Amino acid sequence: MNRRGLLGALVIVGVLLVVGFFWFVGEMDSEGDLVCVPASCCHATSCVLESEAPNCSDRFCSMSCDTDLDCGAGRCEYVDGECEVVVDE
């Protein structure tokens, strides 16, 4: 491999590292924690990373309190390497 090819490969690897870093940082809140959100638009029973959240911009949900995430009874948090529903007690 000549110098030009090696330099090109290093530039590509560098760009991929920078993009990967900013993608990962974009998943975090201001305190450095990963951001989790409800996994479905209405009456969610589980949570996912914010980057995997469904598009709920055109959805309307009932106001019933059917799950732990409805009506503020619980919240999504990143716990032990995954997004989980945390119920306030």
PDB file of N, CA and C in Angstrom:
ATOM      1  N   MET A   1       0.857  -1.172   0.000  1.00  0.00           N
ATOM      2  CA  MET A   1       0.000   0.000   0.000  1.00  0.00           C
ATOM      3  C   MET A   1       0.901   1.233   0.000  1.00  0.00           C
ATOM      4  N   ASN A   2       0.642   2.171  -0.889  1.00  0.00           N
ATOM      5  CA  ASN A   2       1.474   3.368  -0.950  1.00  0.00           C
ATOM      6  C   ASN A   2       1.025   4.384   0.099  1.00  0.00           C
ATOM      7  N   ARG A   3       1.779   5.465   0.205  1.00  0.00           N
ATOM      8  CA  ARG A   3       1.496   6.490   1.218  1.00  0.00           C
ATOM      9  C   ARG A   3       0.132   7.142   1.012  1.00  0.00           C
ATOM     10  N   ARG A   4      -0.223   7.379  -0.212  1.00  0.00           N
ATOM     11  CA  ARG A   4      -1.493   8.033  -0.513  1.00  0.00           C
ATOM     12  C   ARG A   4      -2.673   7.151  -0.073  1.00  0.00           C
ATOM     13  N   GLY A   5      -2.576   5.851  -0.343  1.00  0.00           N
ATOM     14  CA  GLY A   5      -3.629   4.917   0.069  1.00  0.00           C
ATOM     15  C   GLY A   5      -3.712   4.793   1.574  1.00  0.00           C
ATOM     16  N   LEU A   6      -2.563   4.786   2.244  1.00  0.00           N
ATOM     17  CA  LEU A   6      -2.530   4.704   3.701  1.00  0.00           C
ATOM     18  C   LEU A   6      -3.135   5.962   4.318  1.00  0.00           C
ATOM     19  N   LEU A   7      -2.783   7.120   3.779  1.00  0.00           N
ATOM     20  CA  LEU A   7      -3.333   8.379   4.277  1.00  0.00           C
ATOM     21  C   LEU A   7      -4.850   8.405   4.088  1.00  0.00           C
ATOM     22  N   GLY A   8      -5.324   7.960   2.938  1.00  0.00           N
ATOM     23  CA  GLY A   8      -6.764   7.913   2.686  1.00  0.00           C
ATOM     24  C   GLY A   8      -7.489   6.995   3.661  1.00  0.00           C
ATOM     25  N   ALA A   9      -6.885   5.836   3.936  1.00  0.00           N
ATOM     26  CA  ALA A   9      -7.486   4.899   4.891  1.00  0.00           C
ATOM     27  C   ALA A   9      -7.530   5.504   6.284  1.00  0.00           C
ATOM     28  N   LEU A  10      -6.475   6.203   6.693  1.00  0.00           N
ATOM     29  CA  LEU A  10      -6.448   6.845   8.011  1.00  0.00           C
ATOM     30  C   LEU A  10      -7.493   7.944   8.116  1.00  0.00           C
ATOM     31  N   VAL A  11      -7.675   8.705   7.046  1.00  0.00           N
ATOM     32  CA  VAL A  11      -8.697   9.757   7.044  1.00  0.00           C
ATOM     33  C   VAL A  11     -10.083   9.144   7.192  1.00  0.00           C
ATOM     34  N   ILE A  12     -10.350   8.084   6.476  1.00  0.00           N
ATOM     35  CA  ILE A  12     -11.659   7.423   6.558  1.00  0.00           C
ATOM     36  C   ILE A  12     -11.911   6.884   7.960  1.00  0.00           C
ATOM     37  N   VAL A  13     -10.919   6.234   8.541  1.00  0.00           N
ATOM     38  CA  VAL A  13     -11.058   5.711   9.909  1.00  0.00           C
ATOM     39  C   VAL A  13     -11.290   6.857  10.880  1.00  0.00           C
ATOM     40  N   GLY A  14     -10.565   7.952  10.727  1.00  0.00           N
ATOM     41  CA  GLY A  14     -10.742   9.115  11.596  1.00  0.00           C
ATOM     42  C   GLY A  14     -12.139   9.695  11.508  1.00  0.00           C
ATOM     43  N   VAL A  15     -12.656   9.822  10.295  1.00  0.00           N
ATOM     44  CA  VAL A  15     -14.001  10.349  10.107  1.00  0.00           C
ATOM     45  C   VAL A  15     -15.024   9.422  10.749  1.00  0.00           C
ATOM     46  N   LEU A  16     -14.878   8.135  10.573  1.00  0.00           N
ATOM     47  CA  LEU A  16     -15.807   7.177  11.186  1.00  0.00           C
ATOM     48  C   LEU A  16     -15.769   7.252  12.707  1.00  0.00           C
ATOM     49  N   LEU A  17     -14.596   7.424  13.281  1.00  0.00           N
ATOM     50  CA  LEU A  17     -14.485   7.554  14.736  1.00  0.00           C
ATOM     51  C   LEU A  17     -15.180   8.818  15.234  1.00  0.00           C
ATOM     52  N   VAL A  18     -15.004   9.923  14.527  1.00  0.00           N
ATOM     53  CA  VAL A  18     -15.639  11.181  14.929  1.00  0.00           C
ATOM     54  C   VAL A  18     -17.156  11.065  14.816  1.00  0.00           C
ATOM     55  N   VAL A  19     -17.656  10.511  13.720  1.00  0.00           N
ATOM     56  CA  VAL A  19     -19.102  10.342  13.544  1.00  0.00           C
ATOM     57  C   VAL A  19     -19.664   9.420  14.626  1.00  0.00           C
ATOM     58  N   GLY A  20     -18.988   8.330  14.897  1.00  0.00           N
ATOM     59  CA  GLY A  20     -19.429   7.412  15.946  1.00  0.00           C
ATOM     60  C   GLY A  20     -19.457   8.063  17.312  1.00  0.00           C
ATOM     61  N   PHE A  21     -18.459   8.877  17.600  1.00  0.00           N
ATOM     62  CA  PHE A  21     -18.416   9.574  18.887  1.00  0.00           C
ATOM     63  C   PHE A  21     -19.614  10.501  19.039  1.00  0.00           C
ATOM     64  N   PHE A  22     -19.887  11.318  18.006  1.00  0.00           N
ATOM     65  CA  PHE A  22     -20.999  12.258  18.101  1.00  0.00           C
ATOM     66  C   PHE A  22     -22.348  11.549  18.117  1.00  0.00           C
ATOM     67  N   TRP A  23     -22.471  10.402  17.455  1.00  0.00           N
ATOM     68  CA  TRP A  23     -23.715   9.634  17.534  1.00  0.00           C
ATOM     69  C   TRP A  23     -23.930   9.156  18.961  1.00  0.00           C
ATOM     70  N   PHE A  24     -22.874   8.635  19.582  1.00  0.00           N
ATOM     71  CA  PHE A  24     -22.994   8.125  20.940  1.00  0.00           C
ATOM     72  C   PHE A  24     -23.290   9.245  21.922  1.00  0.00           C
ATOM     73  N   VAL A  25     -22.606  10.373  21.794  1.00  0.00           N
ATOM     74  CA  VAL A  25     -22.842  11.514  22.680  1.00  0.00           C
ATOM     75  C   VAL A  25     -24.251  12.056  22.475  1.00  0.00           C
ATOM     76  N   GLY A  26     -24.769  11.996  21.263  1.00  0.00           N
ATOM     77  CA  GLY A  26     -26.124  12.455  20.990  1.00  0.00           C
ATOM     78  C   GLY A  26     -27.190  11.646  21.701  1.00  0.00           C
ATOM     79  N   GLU A  27     -26.864  10.439  22.129  1.00  0.00           N
ATOM     80  CA  GLU A  27     -27.790   9.583  22.871  1.00  0.00           C
ATOM     81  C   GLU A  27     -27.821   9.934  24.357  1.00  0.00           C
ATOM     82  N   MET A  28     -27.005  10.894  24.787  1.00  0.00           N
ATOM     83  CA  MET A  28     -26.878  11.198  26.209  1.00  0.00           C
ATOM     84  C   MET A  28     -27.561  12.513  26.549  1.00  0.00           C
ATOM     85  N   ASP A  29     -28.015  12.612  27.808  1.00  0.00           N
ATOM     86  CA  ASP A  29     -28.566  13.870  28.282  1.00  0.00           C
ATOM     87  C   ASP A  29     -27.439  14.751  28.807  1.00  0.00           C
ATOM     88  N   SER A  30     -27.779  15.866  29.419  1.00  0.00           N
ATOM     89  CA  SER A  30     -26.764  16.823  29.862  1.00  0.00           C
ATOM     90  C   SER A  30     -25.875  16.279  30.972  1.00  0.00           C
ATOM     91  N   GLU A  31     -26.300  15.232  31.661  1.00  0.00           N
ATOM     92  CA  GLU A  31     -25.495  14.642  32.723  1.00  0.00           C
ATOM     93  C   GLU A  31     -24.673  13.457  32.245  1.00  0.00           C
ATOM     94  N   GLY A  32     -24.722  13.149  30.958  1.00  0.00           N
ATOM     95  CA  GLY A  32     -23.933  12.055  30.405  1.00  0.00           C
ATOM     96  C   GLY A  32     -24.618  10.705  30.472  1.00  0.00           C
ATOM     97  N   ASP A  33     -25.895  10.681  30.846  1.00  0.00           N
ATOM     98  CA  ASP A  33     -26.650   9.431  30.899  1.00  0.00           C
ATOM     99  C   ASP A  33     -27.333   9.201  29.551  1.00  0.00           C
ATOM    100  N   LEU A  34     -27.457   7.943  29.149  1.00  0.00           N
ATOM    101  CA  LEU A  34     -28.180   7.629  27.914  1.00  0.00           C
ATOM    102  C   LEU A  34     -29.658   7.939  28.117  1.00  0.00           C
ATOM    103  N   VAL A  35     -30.305   8.466  27.080  1.00  0.00           N
ATOM    104  CA  VAL A  35     -31.700   8.883  27.161  1.00  0.00           C
ATOM    105  C   VAL A  35     -32.598   7.767  26.661  1.00  0.00           C
ATOM    106  N   CYS A  36     -33.549   7.362  27.498  1.00  0.00           N
ATOM    107  CA  CYS A  36     -34.531   6.338  27.144  1.00  0.00           C
ATOM    108  C   CYS A  36     -35.912   6.977  27.077  1.00  0.00           C
ATOM    109  N   VAL A  37     -36.734   6.470  26.169  1.00  0.00           N
ATOM    110  CA  VAL A  37     -38.087   6.980  25.958  1.00  0.00           C
ATOM    111  C   VAL A  37     -39.035   5.785  25.808  1.00  0.00           C
ATOM    112  N   PRO A  38     -40.357   6.022  25.922  1.00  0.00           N
ATOM    113  CA  PRO A  38     -41.307   4.930  25.719  1.00  0.00           C
ATOM    114  C   PRO A  38     -41.144   4.296  24.337  1.00  0.00           C
ATOM    115  N   ALA A  39     -41.319   2.974  24.270  1.00  0.00           N
ATOM    116  CA  ALA A  39     -41.093   2.218  23.038  1.00  0.00           C
ATOM    117  C   ALA A  39     -42.257   2.297  22.053  1.00  0.00           C
ATOM    118  N   SER A  40     -43.403   2.747  22.498  1.00  0.00           N
ATOM    119  CA  SER A  40     -44.539   2.897  21.590  1.00  0.00           C
ATOM    120  C   SER A  40     -45.220   4.230  21.868  1.00  0.00           C
ATOM    121  N   CYS A  41     -46.038   4.664  20.936  1.00  0.00           N
ATOM    122  CA  CYS A  41     -46.662   5.982  21.043  1.00  0.00           C
ATOM    123  C   CYS A  41     -47.732   6.046  22.134  1.00  0.00           C
ATOM    124  N   CYS A  42     -48.509   4.996  22.263  1.00  0.00           N
ATOM    125  CA  CYS A  42     -49.623   5.002  23.213  1.00  0.00           C
ATOM    126  C   CYS A  42     -49.502   3.847  24.195  1.00  0.00           C
ATOM    127  N   HIS A  43     -49.642   4.134  25.459  1.00  0.00           N
ATOM    128  CA  HIS A  43     -49.690   3.126  26.516  1.00  0.00           C
ATOM    129  C   HIS A  43     -48.513   2.147  26.454  1.00  0.00           C
ATOM    130  N   ALA A  44     -47.316   2.689  26.369  1.00  0.00           N
ATOM    131  CA  ALA A  44     -46.104   1.874  26.276  1.00  0.00           C
ATOM    132  C   ALA A  44     -45.883   1.064  27.542  1.00  0.00           C
ATOM    133  N   THR A  45     -45.329  -0.108  27.361  1.00  0.00           N
ATOM    134  CA  THR A  45     -44.998  -0.977  28.502  1.00  0.00           C
ATOM    135  C   THR A  45     -43.492  -1.210  28.597  1.00  0.00           C
ATOM    136  N   SER A  46     -42.729  -0.626  27.662  1.00  0.00           N
ATOM    137  CA  SER A  46     -41.279  -0.782  27.676  1.00  0.00           C
ATOM    138  C   SER A  46     -40.636   0.490  27.143  1.00  0.00           C
ATOM    139  N   CYS A  47     -39.304   0.534  27.227  1.00  0.00           N
ATOM    140  CA  CYS A  47     -38.555   1.720  26.832  1.00  0.00           C
ATOM    141  C   CYS A  47     -37.442   1.351  25.852  1.00  0.00           C
ATOM    142  N   VAL A  48     -37.024   2.327  25.038  1.00  0.00           N
ATOM    143  CA  VAL A  48     -35.932   2.155  24.081  1.00  0.00           C
ATOM    144  C   VAL A  48     -35.056   3.403  24.129  1.00  0.00           C
ATOM    145  N   LEU A  49     -33.865   3.315  23.525  1.00  0.00           N
ATOM    146  CA  LEU A  49     -33.024   4.489  23.391  1.00  0.00           C
ATOM    147  C   LEU A  49     -33.738   5.534  22.543  1.00  0.00           C
ATOM    148  N   GLU A  50     -33.464   6.795  22.796  1.00  0.00           N
ATOM    149  CA  GLU A  50     -34.129   7.878  22.085  1.00  0.00           C
ATOM    150  C   GLU A  50     -33.979   7.761  20.568  1.00  0.00           C
ATOM    151  N   SER A  51     -32.847   7.253  20.105  1.00  0.00           N
ATOM    152  CA  SER A  51     -32.629   7.105  18.660  1.00  0.00           C
ATOM    153  C   SER A  51     -33.536   6.045  18.038  1.00  0.00           C
ATOM    154  N   GLU A  52     -34.104   5.160  18.848  1.00  0.00           N
ATOM    155  CA  GLU A  52     -34.984   4.099  18.363  1.00  0.00           C
ATOM    156  C   GLU A  52     -36.459   4.411  18.607  1.00  0.00           C
ATOM    157  N   ALA A  53     -36.751   5.619  19.068  1.00  0.00           N
ATOM    158  CA  ALA A  53     -38.122   5.997  19.413  1.00  0.00           C
ATOM    159  C   ALA A  53     -39.013   6.036  18.183  1.00  0.00           C
ATOM    160  N   PRO A  54     -40.271   5.641  18.334  1.00  0.00           N
ATOM    161  CA  PRO A  54     -41.205   5.720  17.200  1.00  0.00           C
ATOM    162  C   PRO A  54     -41.569   7.178  16.919  1.00  0.00           C
ATOM    163  N   ASN A  55     -41.969   7.457  15.689  1.00  0.00           N
ATOM    164  CA  ASN A  55     -42.433   8.793  15.319  1.00  0.00           C
ATOM    165  C   ASN A  55     -43.901   8.892  15.711  1.00  0.00           C
ATOM    166  N   CYS A  56     -44.197   9.696  16.707  1.00  0.00           N
ATOM    167  CA  CYS A  56     -45.562   9.822  17.219  1.00  0.00           C
ATOM    168  C   CYS A  56     -46.188  11.166  16.864  1.00  0.00           C
ATOM    169  N   SER A  57     -45.627  11.862  15.900  1.00  0.00           N
ATOM    170  CA  SER A  57     -46.094  13.207  15.574  1.00  0.00           C
ATOM    171  C   SER A  57     -47.529  13.237  15.044  1.00  0.00           C
ATOM    172  N   ASP A  58     -47.994  12.149  14.437  1.00  0.00           N
ATOM    173  CA  ASP A  58     -49.350  12.140  13.896  1.00  0.00           C
ATOM    174  C   ASP A  58     -50.260  11.152  14.618  1.00  0.00           C
ATOM    175  N   ARG A  59     -49.912  10.818  15.840  1.00  0.00           N
ATOM    176  CA  ARG A  59     -50.702   9.851  16.621  1.00  0.00           C
ATOM    177  C   ARG A  59     -51.491  10.563  17.708  1.00  0.00           C
ATOM    178  N   PHE A  60     -52.672  10.073  17.965  1.00  0.00           N
ATOM    179  CA  PHE A  60     -53.483  10.555  19.069  1.00  0.00           C
ATOM    180  C   PHE A  60     -53.773   9.366  19.972  1.00  0.00           C
ATOM    181  N   CYS A  61     -53.592   9.543  21.265  1.00  0.00           N
ATOM    182  CA  CYS A  61     -53.784   8.459  22.225  1.00  0.00           C
ATOM    183  C   CYS A  61     -54.899   8.823  23.189  1.00  0.00           C
ATOM    184  N   SER A  62     -55.526   7.802  23.750  1.00  0.00           N
ATOM    185  CA  SER A  62     -56.542   8.059  24.773  1.00  0.00           C
ATOM    186  C   SER A  62     -55.845   8.561  26.030  1.00  0.00           C
ATOM    187  N   MET A  63     -56.577   9.175  26.888  1.00  0.00           N
ATOM    188  CA  MET A  63     -56.008   9.717  28.118  1.00  0.00           C
ATOM    189  C   MET A  63     -56.117   8.732  29.280  1.00  0.00           C
ATOM    190  N   SER A  64     -56.416   7.488  29.003  1.00  0.00           N
ATOM    191  CA  SER A  64     -56.547   6.505  30.079  1.00  0.00           C
ATOM    192  C   SER A  64     -55.170   6.133  30.635  1.00  0.00           C
ATOM    193  N   CYS A  65     -55.149   5.772  31.886  1.00  0.00           N
ATOM    194  CA  CYS A  65     -53.912   5.391  32.565  1.00  0.00           C
ATOM    195  C   CYS A  65     -53.858   3.866  32.644  1.00  0.00           C
ATOM    196  N   ASP A  66     -53.341   3.235  31.580  1.00  0.00           N
ATOM    197  CA  ASP A  66     -53.355   1.783  31.478  1.00  0.00           C
ATOM    198  C   ASP A  66     -52.038   1.112  31.859  1.00  0.00           C
ATOM    199  N   THR A  67     -50.918   1.821  31.748  1.00  0.00           N
ATOM    200  CA  THR A  67     -49.616   1.213  32.022  1.00  0.00           C
ATOM    201  C   THR A  67     -48.834   2.064  33.007  1.00  0.00           C
ATOM    202  N   ASP A  68     -47.708   1.544  33.463  1.00  0.00           N
ATOM    203  CA  ASP A  68     -46.882   2.284  34.419  1.00  0.00           C
ATOM    204  C   ASP A  68     -46.320   3.579  33.838  1.00  0.00           C
ATOM    205  N   LEU A  69     -46.208   3.672  32.507  1.00  0.00           N
ATOM    206  CA  LEU A  69     -45.700   4.902  31.905  1.00  0.00           C
ATOM    207  C   LEU A  69     -46.791   5.932  31.660  1.00  0.00           C
ATOM    208  N   ASP A  70     -48.046   5.543  31.771  1.00  0.00           N
ATOM    209  CA  ASP A  70     -49.153   6.476  31.573  1.00  0.00           C
ATOM    210  C   ASP A  70     -49.325   7.371  32.796  1.00  0.00           C
ATOM    211  N   CYS A  71     -49.700   8.603  32.552  1.00  0.00           N
ATOM    212  CA  CYS A  71     -50.092   9.543  33.601  1.00  0.00           C
ATOM    213  C   CYS A  71     -49.006   9.782  34.646  1.00  0.00           C
ATOM    214  N   GLY A  72     -47.769   9.615  34.281  1.00  0.00           N
ATOM    215  CA  GLY A  72     -46.663   9.953  35.171  1.00  0.00           C
ATOM    216  C   GLY A  72     -46.381   8.971  36.290  1.00  0.00           C
ATOM    217  N   ALA A  73     -46.919   7.763  36.234  1.00  0.00           N
ATOM    218  CA  ALA A  73     -46.684   6.792  37.294  1.00  0.00           C
ATOM    219  C   ALA A  73     -45.264   6.221  37.243  1.00  0.00           C
ATOM    220  N   GLY A  74     -44.636   6.258  36.087  1.00  0.00           N
ATOM    221  CA  GLY A  74     -43.280   5.729  35.930  1.00  0.00           C
ATOM    222  C   GLY A  74     -42.537   6.510  34.876  1.00  0.00           C
ATOM    223  N   ARG A  75     -41.286   6.142  34.650  1.00  0.00           N
ATOM    224  CA  ARG A  75     -40.461   6.831  33.664  1.00  0.00           C
ATOM    225  C   ARG A  75     -39.459   5.850  33.069  1.00  0.00           C
ATOM    226  N   CYS A  76     -38.864   6.231  31.961  1.00  0.00           N
ATOM    227  CA  CYS A  76     -37.850   5.411  31.310  1.00  0.00           C
ATOM    228  C   CYS A  76     -36.461   5.855  31.774  1.00  0.00           C
ATOM    229  N   GLU A  77     -35.632   4.884  32.131  1.00  0.00           N
ATOM    230  CA  GLU A  77     -34.257   5.172  32.541  1.00  0.00           C
ATOM    231  C   GLU A  77     -33.333   4.097  31.992  1.00  0.00           C
ATOM    232  N   TYR A  78     -32.060   4.466  31.823  1.00  0.00           N
ATOM    233  CA  TYR A  78     -31.029   3.522  31.385  1.00  0.00           C
ATOM    234  C   TYR A  78     -30.445   2.885  32.642  1.00  0.00           C
ATOM    235  N   VAL A  79     -30.700   1.582  32.826  1.00  0.00           N
ATOM    236  CA  VAL A  79     -30.281   0.872  34.030  1.00  0.00           C
ATOM    237  C   VAL A  79     -29.565  -0.416  33.634  1.00  0.00           C
ATOM    238  N   ASP A  80     -28.378  -0.610  34.158  1.00  0.00           N
ATOM    239  CA  ASP A  80     -27.617  -1.842  33.919  1.00  0.00           C
ATOM    240  C   ASP A  80     -27.514  -2.206  32.442  1.00  0.00           C
ATOM    241  N   GLY A  81     -27.225  -1.212  31.608  1.00  0.00           N
ATOM    242  CA  GLY A  81     -26.977  -1.479  30.200  1.00  0.00           C
ATOM    243  C   GLY A  81     -28.195  -1.558  29.307  1.00  0.00           C
ATOM    244  N   GLU A  82     -29.377  -1.232  29.814  1.00  0.00           N
ATOM    245  CA  GLU A  82     -30.573  -1.248  28.963  1.00  0.00           C
ATOM    246  C   GLU A  82     -31.625  -0.260  29.463  1.00  0.00           C
ATOM    247  N   CYS A  83     -32.544   0.065  28.589  1.00  0.00           N
ATOM    248  CA  CYS A  83     -33.639   0.966  28.955  1.00  0.00           C
ATOM    249  C   CYS A  83     -34.711   0.164  29.690  1.00  0.00           C
ATOM    250  N   GLU A  84     -35.158   0.722  30.812  1.00  0.00           N
ATOM    251  CA  GLU A  84     -36.175   0.042  31.629  1.00  0.00           C
ATOM    252  C   GLU A  84     -37.215   1.025  32.113  1.00  0.00           C
ATOM    253  N   VAL A  85     -38.396   0.498  32.422  1.00  0.00           N
ATOM    254  CA  VAL A  85     -39.434   1.282  33.067  1.00  0.00           C
ATOM    255  C   VAL A  85     -39.134   1.315  34.556  1.00  0.00           C
ATOM    256  N   VAL A  86     -39.080   2.504  35.133  1.00  0.00           N
ATOM    257  CA  VAL A  86     -38.862   2.665  36.567  1.00  0.00           C
ATOM    258  C   VAL A  86     -40.136   3.257  37.145  1.00  0.00           C
ATOM    259  N   VAL A  87     -40.735   2.561  38.110  1.00  0.00           N
ATOM    260  CA  VAL A  87     -41.992   3.011  38.724  1.00  0.00           C
ATOM    261  C   VAL A  87     -41.669   3.766  40.005  1.00  0.00           C
ATOM    262  N   ASP A  88     -42.223   4.975  40.094  1.00  0.00           N
ATOM    263  CA  ASP A  88     -42.047   5.784  41.307  1.00  0.00           C
ATOM    264  C   ASP A  88     -42.966   5.264  42.406  1.00  0.00           C
ATOM    265  N   GLU A  89     -42.382   5.076  43.569  1.00  0.00           N
ATOM    266  CA  GLU A  89     -43.211   4.604  44.687  1.00  0.00           C
ATOM    267  C   GLU A  89     -43.048   5.483  45.872  1.00  0.00           C
TER     268      GLU A  89
END
